[in-house]
Amino acid sequence: MDMQQVRNVPNAFIAEKLREVADLLDQQGATSFRVRAYRDAAAYIDKLKDPLGVIYDTDGRPGLEDLPTIGSSIASAIAEMLETGDLGLLGRLRGSADPEALFQTVPMIGP
């Protein structure tokens, strides 16, 4: 994926990934504040008319942070998706939710 394609990541894709983060955080017992922050950001992005890629290209991370419901951590997550097309946090959260990975950490079961 070249940089132009990455920056053209649709807002709907980003919102969906943020919702997935919220769901995984909720399943893993994160604070309701953190879960709600990701859900609120996703809901805002769903309604946002301007592409996040344009905002990021114009104003960088500070431009994302200036948006309602988007704080520093979520702005970083959005920037990562715009730059790479992926969100590492999702992989880490999925790994934490993976039963096989969880069992491998249990003594006497292990790999």
Protein backbone atom coordinates (compact mmCIF):
# COMPACT_ATOMS: atom_id res chain seq x y z
CA MET A 1 0.00 0.00 0.00
CA ASP A 2 1.59 3.30 -1.00
CA MET A 3 1.38 6.47 1.11
CA GLN A 4 -1.41 7.97 -1.00
CA GLN A 5 -3.57 4.86 -0.59
CA VAL A 6 -2.89 4.73 3.13
CA ARG A 7 -3.83 8.37 3.64
CA ASN A 8 -7.07 7.61 1.80
CA VAL A 9 -8.15 5.16 4.52
CA PRO A 10 -11.91 5.76 4.80
CA ASN A 11 -13.27 7.28 7.98
CA ALA A 12 -15.67 4.31 8.24
CA PHE A 13 -12.71 1.89 8.37
CA ILE A 14 -11.05 3.90 11.15
CA ALA A 15 -14.31 4.15 13.10
CA GLU A 16 -14.83 0.39 12.82
CA LYS A 17 -11.32 -0.32 14.13
CA LEU A 18 -11.88 2.05 17.07
CA ARG A 19 -15.16 0.25 17.85
CA GLU A 20 -13.33 -3.05 17.77
CA VAL A 21 -10.75 -1.67 20.23
CA ALA A 22 -13.60 -0.55 22.50
CA ASP A 23 -15.23 -3.99 22.35
CA LEU A 24 -11.98 -5.80 23.16
CA LEU A 25 -11.16 -3.37 25.97
CA ASP A 26 -14.63 -3.92 27.39
CA GLN A 27 -14.25 -7.72 27.21
CA GLN A 28 -10.91 -7.45 28.97
CA GLY A 29 -12.26 -5.32 31.82
CA ALA A 30 -10.77 -1.94 30.94
CA THR A 31 -12.19 1.13 32.63
CA SER A 32 -15.54 2.32 31.34
CA PHE A 33 -13.95 5.73 30.65
CA ARG A 34 -11.43 4.20 28.23
CA VAL A 35 -14.03 2.02 26.52
CA ARG A 36 -16.40 4.98 26.15
CA ALA A 37 -13.61 7.18 24.76
CA TYR A 38 -13.04 4.78 21.86
CA ARG A 39 -16.77 4.36 21.24
CA ASP A 40 -17.39 8.12 21.32
CA ALA A 41 -14.50 8.72 18.94
CA ALA A 42 -15.85 6.08 16.54
CA ALA A 43 -19.33 7.62 16.63
CA TYR A 44 -17.91 11.09 15.95
CA ILE A 45 -15.77 9.84 13.06
CA ASP A 46 -18.79 8.09 11.51
CA LYS A 47 -20.47 11.50 11.21
CA LEU A 48 -17.37 13.46 10.20
CA LYS A 49 -17.65 14.84 6.66
CA ASP A 50 -13.95 15.60 6.15
CA PRO A 51 -11.60 12.67 5.54
CA LEU A 52 -9.26 12.16 8.48
CA GLY A 53 -6.39 11.76 6.00
CA VAL A 54 -6.88 15.33 4.78
CA ILE A 55 -6.98 16.65 8.34
CA TYR A 56 -3.83 14.70 9.17
CA ASP A 57 -2.02 15.84 6.02
CA THR A 58 -2.92 19.47 6.74
CA ASP A 59 -2.49 19.71 10.51
CA GLY A 60 -0.79 16.49 11.65
CA ARG A 61 -1.57 14.88 14.98
CA PRO A 62 -2.47 18.22 16.59
CA GLY A 63 -5.22 18.58 13.97
CA LEU A 64 -6.61 15.19 14.97
CA GLU A 65 -6.37 16.03 18.68
CA ASP A 66 -8.35 19.23 18.07
CA LEU A 67 -11.35 17.20 16.92
CA PRO A 68 -14.11 16.62 19.48
CA THR A 69 -13.78 13.28 21.35
CA ILE A 70 -10.26 12.68 19.96
CA GLY A 71 -7.57 12.77 22.63
CA SER A 72 -3.86 12.14 22.37
CA SER A 73 -4.01 8.33 22.47
CA ILE A 74 -6.80 8.04 19.94
CA ALA A 75 -5.10 10.62 17.69
CA SER A 76 -1.99 8.41 17.77
CA ALA A 77 -4.08 5.38 16.84
CA ILE A 78 -5.67 7.26 13.94
CA ALA A 79 -2.29 8.51 12.74
CA GLU A 80 -0.94 4.95 12.83
CA MET A 81 -3.86 3.72 10.71
CA LEU A 82 -3.41 6.59 8.25
CA GLU A 83 0.33 5.94 7.97
CA THR A 84 0.34 2.14 7.90
CA GLY A 85 -3.23 0.99 7.22
CA ASP A 86 -3.04 -1.03 10.44
CA LEU A 87 -3.46 -0.61 14.20
CA GLY A 88 -0.94 -2.46 16.37
CA LEU A 89 -3.12 -2.00 19.45
CA LEU A 90 -5.74 -4.27 17.90
CA GLY A 91 -3.22 -7.05 17.44
CA ARG A 92 -2.09 -6.75 21.03
CA LEU A 93 -5.66 -6.72 22.31
CA ARG A 94 -6.63 -9.68 20.13
CA GLY A 95 -3.62 -11.55 21.44
CA SER A 96 -4.77 -10.89 24.99
CA ALA A 97 -8.21 -12.21 24.11
CA ASP A 98 -6.91 -15.29 22.29
CA PRO A 99 -7.70 -18.31 24.52
CA GLU A 100 -4.80 -20.34 23.14
CA ALA A 101 -2.33 -17.54 23.88
CA LEU A 102 -3.79 -17.18 27.35
CA PHE A 103 -3.44 -20.91 28.09
CA GLN A 104 0.18 -20.81 26.96
CA THR A 105 0.94 -18.41 29.81
CA VAL A 106 -0.45 -20.79 32.46
CA PRO A 107 2.22 -22.74 34.38
CA MET A 108 2.19 -26.47 33.70
CA ILE A 109 0.21 -25.93 30.47
CA GLY A 110 2.52 -23.55 28.59
CA PRO A 111 3.32 -23.87 24.88
